[in-house]
Amino acid sequence: MADSPEELQKHMKTYTIVGITLILFTFITVGVAEFAKTGSFALDVAIGLLIATFKAGLVAFIFMHLNHEKPMIYRILVFTLFFAAGGMVLFILALKDPISL
């Protein structure tokens, strides 16, 4: 918790900036989905997933207070990001699979 009004104002400023950034990136996501067709569905999905990953990381870092955690949390987070990236790659590879049902 904040100990002084100045510290509370500092936190409010940070939360406001993060909130505006999340709203901005939501509009960017919609813009990419609607207007920036690259011709490759897999690339469009990858761009959308990268934007979503950035937004999720921002929420976790600021609103879930991961910026004040111990180093062990960061090691776990790195493994989580590694597996999330692997999941994205597998998803994109599954889209390219020539076998259809």
Protein backbone atom coordinates (compact mmCIF):
# COMPACT_ATOMS: atom_id res chain seq x y z
CA MET A 1 0.00 0.00 0.00
CA ALA A 2 1.02 3.58 -0.53
CA ASP A 3 2.43 5.35 2.51
CA SER A 4 1.93 8.89 1.27
CA PRO A 5 -0.31 10.80 -1.16
CA GLU A 6 2.69 11.36 -3.45
CA GLU A 7 3.36 7.64 -3.66
CA LEU A 8 -0.31 6.99 -4.35
CA GLN A 9 -0.25 9.57 -7.16
CA LYS A 10 2.83 7.86 -8.62
CA HIS A 11 1.00 4.51 -8.66
CA MET A 12 -2.12 6.07 -10.15
CA LYS A 13 -0.03 7.64 -12.91
CA THR A 14 1.56 4.26 -13.69
CA TYR A 15 -1.81 2.49 -13.74
CA THR A 16 -3.29 5.18 -15.97
CA ILE A 17 -0.43 4.90 -18.47
CA VAL A 18 -0.70 1.10 -18.49
CA GLY A 19 -4.48 1.29 -18.93
CA ILE A 20 -4.15 3.69 -21.86
CA THR A 21 -1.46 1.44 -23.38
CA LEU A 22 -3.75 -1.61 -23.09
CA ILE A 23 -6.61 0.27 -24.74
CA LEU A 24 -4.28 1.47 -27.51
CA PHE A 25 -3.01 -2.05 -28.17
CA THR A 26 -6.59 -3.34 -28.22
CA PHE A 27 -7.30 -0.91 -31.06
CA ILE A 28 -4.07 -1.99 -32.75
CA THR A 29 -5.18 -5.63 -32.48
CA VAL A 30 -8.54 -4.81 -34.07
CA GLY A 31 -6.81 -2.79 -36.78
CA VAL A 32 -4.42 -5.60 -37.58
CA ALA A 33 -7.29 -8.11 -37.69
CA GLU A 34 -9.44 -5.95 -39.96
CA PHE A 35 -7.10 -4.02 -42.21
CA ALA A 36 -3.58 -5.47 -42.22
CA LYS A 37 -4.17 -8.69 -44.12
CA THR A 38 -0.74 -10.06 -44.94
CA GLY A 39 -2.01 -12.83 -47.19
CA SER A 40 -0.90 -15.50 -44.76
CA PHE A 41 -3.39 -16.59 -42.12
CA ALA A 42 -0.56 -18.00 -39.98
CA LEU A 43 1.29 -14.68 -40.03
CA ASP A 44 -1.90 -12.79 -39.14
CA VAL A 45 -2.46 -15.14 -36.20
CA ALA A 46 1.17 -14.82 -35.11
CA ILE A 47 0.95 -11.02 -35.12
CA GLY A 48 -2.27 -11.16 -33.09
CA LEU A 49 -0.73 -13.58 -30.60
CA LEU A 50 2.38 -11.41 -30.20
CA ILE A 51 0.25 -8.36 -29.43
CA ALA A 52 -1.85 -10.39 -26.97
CA THR A 53 1.32 -11.71 -25.32
CA PHE A 54 2.63 -8.18 -24.87
CA LYS A 55 -0.65 -7.08 -23.30
CA ALA A 56 -0.76 -10.10 -20.99
CA GLY A 57 2.83 -9.49 -19.93
CA LEU A 58 2.05 -5.86 -19.17
CA VAL A 59 -0.94 -6.86 -17.04
CA ALA A 60 1.11 -9.49 -15.17
CA PHE A 61 4.05 -7.17 -14.65
CA ILE A 62 2.12 -4.13 -13.41
CA PHE A 63 -1.31 -5.16 -12.13
CA MET A 64 -0.20 -8.51 -10.68
CA HIS A 65 2.90 -6.83 -9.21
CA LEU A 66 5.48 -9.16 -10.74
CA ASN A 67 7.84 -6.19 -10.86
CA HIS A 68 8.29 -6.55 -7.08
CA GLU A 69 8.80 -10.31 -6.90
CA LYS A 70 11.83 -12.43 -6.06
CA PRO A 71 14.17 -13.79 -8.78
CA MET A 72 12.67 -17.31 -8.58
CA ILE A 73 9.40 -15.94 -9.95
CA TYR A 74 11.29 -14.63 -12.99
CA ARG A 75 12.85 -18.04 -13.64
CA ILE A 76 9.40 -19.61 -13.59
CA LEU A 77 8.12 -16.83 -15.85
CA VAL A 78 10.90 -17.49 -18.39
CA PHE A 79 9.94 -21.17 -18.57
CA THR A 80 6.29 -20.18 -18.94
CA LEU A 81 7.12 -17.81 -21.79
CA PHE A 82 9.23 -20.52 -23.43
CA PHE A 83 6.33 -22.98 -23.38
CA ALA A 84 3.86 -20.29 -24.51
CA ALA A 85 6.10 -19.52 -27.49
CA GLY A 86 6.34 -23.25 -28.21
CA GLY A 87 2.54 -23.47 -28.11
CA MET A 88 2.30 -20.63 -30.62
CA VAL A 89 4.75 -22.36 -32.93
CA LEU A 90 2.83 -25.63 -32.69
CA PHE A 91 -0.41 -23.79 -33.42
CA ILE A 92 1.06 -22.21 -36.55
CA LEU A 93 2.54 -25.54 -37.66
CA ALA A 94 -0.85 -27.20 -37.17
CA LEU A 95 -2.37 -24.65 -39.53
CA LYS A 96 0.14 -25.68 -42.19
CA ASP A 97 -0.60 -29.41 -41.75
CA PRO A 98 -1.72 -30.86 -45.09
CA ILE A 99 -3.89 -33.54 -43.46
CA SER A 100 -7.54 -32.52 -43.28
CA LEU A 101 -10.47 -34.35 -41.74
